[in-house]
């Protein structure tokens, strides 16, 4: 007999159920280990895609959508800051303060007001 004849055993015949389960589990484990270089990176890639990339893209879309609102809010705040700075410079000017004081003292004259007060 040759070595090949000794290695060949009829499977499924004369095996006990426990031996068959052990053989199936052993072959399954070996197959999983052989394919580990394929399925392990696939799992990592799936985690990156679903747990990392998709939420990041959703957040990027949300931020892009809110950019216009934030820009208009920033422009409005800049206009208000410029108006406040203009009022501060007017109130720091002694000549302007004297004109306002005189406009309040003189009867019949319209009092001076700040330009941004709307009157």
N, C-alpha and C. Protein backbone atom coordinates (compact mmCIF):
# COMPACT_ATOMS: atom_id res chain seq x y z
N UNK A 1 0.82 -1.18 0.00
CA UNK A 1 0.00 0.00 0.00
C UNK A 1 0.87 1.25 0.00
N UNK A 2 0.36 2.25 -0.66
CA UNK A 2 1.09 3.51 -0.70
C UNK A 2 0.55 4.44 0.38
N UNK A 3 1.28 5.56 0.54
CA UNK A 3 0.88 6.56 1.54
C UNK A 3 -0.49 7.14 1.22
N UNK A 4 -0.80 7.30 -0.04
CA UNK A 4 -2.07 7.86 -0.46
C UNK A 4 -3.23 6.96 -0.04
N UNK A 5 -3.06 5.70 -0.11
CA UNK A 5 -4.13 4.79 0.27
C UNK A 5 -4.41 4.83 1.76
N UNK A 6 -3.38 5.07 2.57
CA UNK A 6 -3.59 5.15 4.02
C UNK A 6 -4.32 6.44 4.43
N UNK A 7 -4.08 7.50 3.66
CA UNK A 7 -4.70 8.77 4.01
C UNK A 7 -6.17 8.82 3.67
N UNK A 8 -6.59 8.06 2.72
CA UNK A 8 -7.99 8.09 2.31
C UNK A 8 -8.82 7.21 3.21
N UNK A 9 -9.77 7.84 3.85
CA UNK A 9 -10.71 7.11 4.69
C UNK A 9 -12.10 7.47 4.20
N UNK A 10 -12.97 6.56 4.11
CA UNK A 10 -14.34 6.92 3.72
C UNK A 10 -14.96 7.77 4.83
N UNK A 11 -15.44 8.93 4.44
CA UNK A 11 -16.02 9.83 5.43
C UNK A 11 -17.50 9.52 5.58
N UNK A 12 -17.97 9.69 6.77
CA UNK A 12 -19.38 9.49 7.02
C UNK A 12 -19.75 8.05 7.33
N UNK A 13 -18.87 7.15 7.05
CA UNK A 13 -19.18 5.74 7.34
C UNK A 13 -18.37 5.30 8.54
N UNK A 14 -18.98 4.77 9.47
CA UNK A 14 -18.31 4.24 10.63
C UNK A 14 -17.86 5.31 11.62
N UNK A 15 -18.22 6.55 11.37
CA UNK A 15 -17.84 7.61 12.30
C UNK A 15 -18.93 7.78 13.34
N UNK A 16 -18.50 8.08 14.52
CA UNK A 16 -19.48 8.42 15.55
C UNK A 16 -19.91 9.87 15.34
N UNK A 17 -21.08 10.24 15.83
CA UNK A 17 -21.55 11.63 15.65
C UNK A 17 -20.58 12.66 16.23
N UNK A 18 -19.97 12.35 17.37
CA UNK A 18 -19.04 13.28 17.99
C UNK A 18 -17.80 13.49 17.12
N UNK A 19 -17.32 12.42 16.52
CA UNK A 19 -16.16 12.53 15.63
C UNK A 19 -16.49 13.37 14.40
N UNK A 20 -17.69 13.18 13.89
CA UNK A 20 -18.10 13.96 12.72
C UNK A 20 -18.20 15.45 13.06
N UNK A 21 -18.79 15.76 14.21
CA UNK A 21 -18.90 17.16 14.63
C UNK A 21 -17.50 17.75 14.82
N UNK A 22 -16.61 16.98 15.44
CA UNK A 22 -15.23 17.46 15.64
C UNK A 22 -14.55 17.71 14.30
N UNK A 23 -14.75 16.83 13.35
CA UNK A 23 -14.13 16.99 12.03
C UNK A 23 -14.69 18.22 11.32
N UNK A 24 -15.99 18.43 11.41
CA UNK A 24 -16.62 19.59 10.76
C UNK A 24 -16.12 20.89 11.41
N UNK A 25 -16.07 20.91 12.74
CA UNK A 25 -15.59 22.10 13.43
C UNK A 25 -14.12 22.37 13.12
N UNK A 26 -13.33 21.33 13.04
CA UNK A 26 -11.92 21.49 12.72
C UNK A 26 -11.75 22.06 11.31
N UNK A 27 -12.50 21.51 10.35
CA UNK A 27 -12.38 22.01 8.98
C UNK A 27 -12.92 23.43 8.87
N UNK A 28 -13.97 23.75 9.62
CA UNK A 28 -14.51 25.11 9.62
C UNK A 28 -13.49 26.09 10.21
N UNK A 29 -12.87 25.71 11.31
CA UNK A 29 -11.85 26.55 11.93
C UNK A 29 -10.67 26.77 11.00
N UNK A 30 -10.26 25.72 10.31
CA UNK A 30 -9.15 25.85 9.37
C UNK A 30 -9.53 26.78 8.22
N UNK A 31 -10.75 26.65 7.74
CA UNK A 31 -11.19 27.53 6.65
C UNK A 31 -11.24 28.99 7.11
N UNK A 32 -11.75 29.21 8.31
CA UNK A 32 -11.77 30.57 8.84
C UNK A 32 -10.37 31.15 8.97
N UNK A 33 -9.43 30.36 9.44
CA UNK A 33 -8.06 30.84 9.56
C UNK A 33 -7.43 31.09 8.20
N UNK A 34 -7.75 30.24 7.22
CA UNK A 34 -7.20 30.46 5.88
C UNK A 34 -7.72 31.75 5.27
N UNK A 35 -8.97 32.07 5.54
CA UNK A 35 -9.59 33.26 4.97
C UNK A 35 -9.46 34.49 5.87
N UNK A 36 -8.77 34.39 6.98
CA UNK A 36 -8.60 35.52 7.90
C UNK A 36 -8.00 36.75 7.23
N UNK A 37 -7.01 36.61 6.35
CA UNK A 37 -6.49 37.82 5.68
C UNK A 37 -7.52 38.53 4.83
N UNK A 38 -8.62 37.88 4.51
CA UNK A 38 -9.67 38.52 3.72
C UNK A 38 -10.75 39.11 4.62
N UNK A 39 -11.25 38.34 5.58
CA UNK A 39 -12.39 38.81 6.36
C UNK A 39 -12.00 39.79 7.45
N UNK A 40 -10.79 39.71 7.99
CA UNK A 40 -10.41 40.66 9.05
C UNK A 40 -10.32 42.09 8.52
N UNK A 41 -9.63 42.35 7.40
CA UNK A 41 -9.65 43.72 6.86
C UNK A 41 -11.03 44.15 6.40
N UNK A 42 -11.84 43.20 5.95
CA UNK A 42 -13.21 43.54 5.56
C UNK A 42 -14.01 44.04 6.75
N UNK A 43 -13.84 43.43 7.89
CA UNK A 43 -14.53 43.88 9.11
C UNK A 43 -14.04 45.27 9.52
N UNK A 44 -12.74 45.48 9.45
CA UNK A 44 -12.19 46.80 9.80
C UNK A 44 -12.70 47.86 8.83
N UNK A 45 -12.72 47.55 7.54
CA UNK A 45 -13.24 48.49 6.55
C UNK A 45 -14.71 48.80 6.79
N UNK A 46 -15.49 47.79 7.13
CA UNK A 46 -16.91 48.00 7.41
C UNK A 46 -17.09 48.90 8.63
N UNK A 47 -16.27 48.71 9.65
CA UNK A 47 -16.35 49.56 10.83
C UNK A 47 -16.00 51.00 10.48
N UNK A 48 -14.97 51.18 9.69
CA UNK A 48 -14.58 52.54 9.30
C UNK A 48 -15.68 53.19 8.49
N UNK A 49 -16.26 52.45 7.56
CA UNK A 49 -17.31 53.02 6.72
C UNK A 49 -18.56 53.36 7.50
N UNK A 50 -19.04 52.42 8.30
CA UNK A 50 -20.32 52.62 8.96
C UNK A 50 -20.23 53.38 10.28
N UNK A 51 -19.14 53.23 11.01
CA UNK A 51 -19.02 53.90 12.30
C UNK A 51 -18.20 55.18 12.23
N UNK A 52 -17.47 55.39 11.14
CA UNK A 52 -16.62 56.55 11.06
C UNK A 52 -16.94 57.46 9.89
N UNK A 53 -16.97 56.92 8.71
CA UNK A 53 -17.13 57.74 7.51
C UNK A 53 -18.55 58.26 7.35
N UNK A 54 -19.53 57.42 7.52
CA UNK A 54 -20.92 57.87 7.34
C UNK A 54 -21.31 58.97 8.32
N UNK A 55 -21.02 58.82 9.63
CA UNK A 55 -21.33 59.93 10.54
C UNK A 55 -20.54 61.20 10.21
N UNK A 56 -19.30 61.04 9.76
CA UNK A 56 -18.50 62.21 9.42
C UNK A 56 -19.08 62.93 8.21
N UNK A 57 -19.53 62.19 7.22
CA UNK A 57 -20.14 62.81 6.05
C UNK A 57 -21.46 63.48 6.40
N UNK A 58 -22.23 62.86 7.28
CA UNK A 58 -23.50 63.46 7.72
C UNK A 58 -23.23 64.77 8.47
N UNK A 59 -22.21 64.77 9.30
CA UNK A 59 -21.85 66.00 10.03
C UNK A 59 -21.37 67.07 9.07
N UNK A 60 -20.61 66.69 8.05
CA UNK A 60 -20.14 67.67 7.05
C UNK A 60 -21.33 68.28 6.31
N UNK A 61 -22.33 67.45 5.95
CA UNK A 61 -23.52 67.99 5.29
C UNK A 61 -24.27 68.94 6.21
N UNK A 62 -24.40 68.58 7.48
CA UNK A 62 -25.10 69.44 8.43
C UNK A 62 -24.39 70.78 8.57
N UNK A 63 -23.06 70.74 8.66
CA UNK A 63 -22.30 71.98 8.79
C UNK A 63 -22.39 72.83 7.53
N UNK A 64 -22.38 72.19 6.36
CA UNK A 64 -22.53 72.94 5.11
C UNK A 64 -23.89 73.62 5.04
N UNK A 65 -24.92 72.91 5.50
CA UNK A 65 -26.27 73.48 5.48
C UNK A 65 -26.40 74.67 6.42
N UNK A 66 -25.72 74.65 7.54
CA UNK A 66 -25.84 75.74 8.51
C UNK A 66 -24.85 76.87 8.26
N UNK A 67 -23.99 76.73 7.26
CA UNK A 67 -22.97 77.75 7.00
C UNK A 67 -23.59 79.09 6.59
N UNK A 68 -24.61 79.07 5.77
CA UNK A 68 -25.25 80.31 5.32
C UNK A 68 -25.86 81.07 6.50
N UNK A 69 -26.53 80.35 7.39
CA UNK A 69 -27.12 81.01 8.56
C UNK A 69 -26.07 81.62 9.47
N UNK A 70 -24.98 80.90 9.66
CA UNK A 70 -23.91 81.41 10.52
C UNK A 70 -23.25 82.63 9.88
N UNK A 71 -23.08 82.60 8.56
CA UNK A 71 -22.47 83.73 7.86
C UNK A 71 -23.33 84.98 7.98
N UNK A 72 -24.64 84.84 7.81
CA UNK A 72 -25.52 86.00 7.93
C UNK A 72 -25.55 86.51 9.36
N UNK A 73 -25.52 85.60 10.32
CA UNK A 73 -25.49 86.00 11.73
C UNK A 73 -24.21 86.77 12.04
N UNK A 74 -23.09 86.30 11.49
CA UNK A 74 -21.81 86.97 11.70
C UNK A 74 -21.81 88.35 11.07
N UNK A 75 -22.40 88.49 9.88
CA UNK A 75 -22.48 89.79 9.22
C UNK A 75 -23.33 90.76 10.02
N UNK A 76 -24.43 90.28 10.55
CA UNK A 76 -25.30 91.13 11.38
C UNK A 76 -24.58 91.59 12.65
N UNK A 77 -23.87 90.67 13.29
CA UNK A 77 -23.11 91.05 14.49
C UNK A 77 -22.01 92.03 14.16
N UNK A 78 -21.38 91.89 13.00
CA UNK A 78 -20.34 92.84 12.59
C UNK A 78 -20.93 94.23 12.38
N UNK A 79 -22.11 94.30 11.75
CA UNK A 79 -22.77 95.60 11.56
C UNK A 79 -23.11 96.24 12.91
N UNK A 80 -23.62 95.43 13.84
CA UNK A 80 -23.95 95.97 15.16
C UNK A 80 -22.70 96.45 15.89
N UNK A 81 -21.61 95.69 15.77
CA UNK A 81 -20.36 96.10 16.42
C UNK A 81 -19.83 97.39 15.84
N UNK A 82 -19.95 97.55 14.52
CA UNK A 82 -19.51 98.80 13.89
C UNK A 82 -20.37 99.97 14.36
N UNK A 83 -21.69 99.77 14.48
CA UNK A 83 -22.58 100.84 14.95
C UNK A 83 -22.24 101.22 16.39
N UNK A 84 -21.97 100.24 17.23
CA UNK A 84 -21.62 100.52 18.63
C UNK A 84 -20.29 101.27 18.70
N UNK A 85 -19.34 100.86 17.87
CA UNK A 85 -18.05 101.55 17.84
C UNK A 85 -18.20 102.99 17.36
N UNK A 86 -19.06 103.22 16.37
CA UNK A 86 -19.32 104.58 15.88
C UNK A 86 -19.94 105.43 16.99
N UNK A 87 -20.91 104.87 17.71
CA UNK A 87 -21.53 105.60 18.84
C UNK A 87 -20.51 105.89 19.93
N UNK A 88 -19.65 104.95 20.21
CA UNK A 88 -18.62 105.17 21.23
C UNK A 88 -17.70 106.31 20.84
N UNK A 89 -17.30 106.35 19.55
CA UNK A 89 -16.43 107.45 19.11
C UNK A 89 -17.15 108.78 19.19
N UNK A 90 -18.46 108.81 18.86
CA UNK A 90 -19.22 110.07 18.96
C UNK A 90 -19.31 110.52 20.41
N UNK A 91 -19.60 109.59 21.31
CA UNK A 91 -19.74 109.97 22.71
C UNK A 91 -18.41 110.34 23.35
N UNK A 92 -17.31 109.87 22.83
CA UNK A 92 -15.99 110.26 23.33
C UNK A 92 -15.56 111.64 22.82
N UNK A 93 -16.24 112.13 21.80
CA UNK A 93 -15.90 113.43 21.22
C UNK A 93 -16.51 114.54 22.08
N UNK A 94 -15.65 115.40 22.61
CA UNK A 94 -16.13 116.48 23.50
C UNK A 94 -17.00 117.47 22.77
N UNK A 95 -16.69 117.75 21.53
CA UNK A 95 -17.48 118.72 20.76
C UNK A 95 -18.89 118.19 20.56
N UNK A 96 -19.02 116.93 20.22
CA UNK A 96 -20.34 116.34 20.02
C UNK A 96 -21.13 116.36 21.32
N UNK A 97 -20.49 116.02 22.43
CA UNK A 97 -21.20 116.04 23.72
C UNK A 97 -21.68 117.45 24.05
N UNK A 98 -20.88 118.46 23.74
CA UNK A 98 -21.29 119.84 24.01
C UNK A 98 -22.48 120.22 23.13
N UNK A 99 -22.48 119.81 21.87
CA UNK A 99 -23.62 120.10 20.98
C UNK A 99 -24.89 119.45 21.51
N UNK A 100 -24.79 118.21 21.99
CA UNK A 100 -25.96 117.52 22.54
C UNK A 100 -26.45 118.26 23.77
N UNK A 101 -25.52 118.67 24.65
CA UNK A 101 -25.91 119.39 25.86
C UNK A 101 -26.62 120.69 25.51
N UNK A 102 -26.10 121.43 24.55
CA UNK A 102 -26.72 122.70 24.15
C UNK A 102 -28.08 122.46 23.50
N UNK A 103 -28.21 121.37 22.72
CA UNK A 103 -29.50 121.11 22.08
C UNK A 103 -30.56 120.78 23.12
N UNK A 104 -30.14 120.26 24.26
CA UNK A 104 -31.11 119.95 25.32
C UNK A 104 -31.46 121.19 26.13
N UNK A 105 -30.52 122.12 26.20
CA UNK A 105 -30.74 123.33 26.99
C UNK A 105 -31.57 124.36 26.24
N UNK A 106 -31.33 124.52 24.95
CA UNK A 106 -32.02 125.53 24.15
C UNK A 106 -33.48 125.10 23.99
N UNK A 107 -34.36 126.02 24.32
CA UNK A 107 -35.78 125.70 24.20
C UNK A 107 -36.22 125.85 22.76
N UNK A 108 -37.06 124.98 22.33
CA UNK A 108 -37.60 125.04 20.98
C UNK A 108 -36.73 124.32 19.96
N UNK A 109 -35.50 124.00 20.31
CA UNK A 109 -34.63 123.30 19.35
C UNK A 109 -34.85 121.79 19.50
N UNK A 110 -34.69 121.11 18.40
CA UNK A 110 -34.83 119.66 18.42
C UNK A 110 -33.56 119.06 19.03
N UNK A 111 -33.69 118.18 20.01
CA UNK A 111 -32.49 117.59 20.61
C UNK A 111 -31.76 116.67 19.62
N UNK A 112 -30.44 116.70 19.71
CA UNK A 112 -29.63 115.80 18.88
C UNK A 112 -29.76 114.38 19.39
N UNK A 113 -29.73 113.45 18.47
CA UNK A 113 -29.80 112.04 18.86
C UNK A 113 -28.71 111.28 18.10
N UNK A 114 -28.44 110.09 18.61
CA UNK A 114 -27.46 109.25 17.93
C UNK A 114 -28.02 108.81 16.58
N UNK A 115 -27.16 108.66 15.62
CA UNK A 115 -27.59 108.33 14.25
C UNK A 115 -28.25 106.96 14.19
N UNK A 116 -27.82 106.02 15.02
CA UNK A 116 -28.36 104.67 14.94
C UNK A 116 -29.63 104.48 15.76
N UNK A 117 -30.09 105.53 16.44
CA UNK A 117 -31.28 105.37 17.28
C UNK A 117 -32.56 105.35 16.48
N UNK A 118 -32.46 105.71 15.17
CA UNK A 118 -33.65 105.61 14.33
C UNK A 118 -34.44 106.88 14.27
N UNK A 119 -34.12 107.92 15.03
CA UNK A 119 -34.86 109.20 15.00
C UNK A 119 -34.05 110.28 14.39
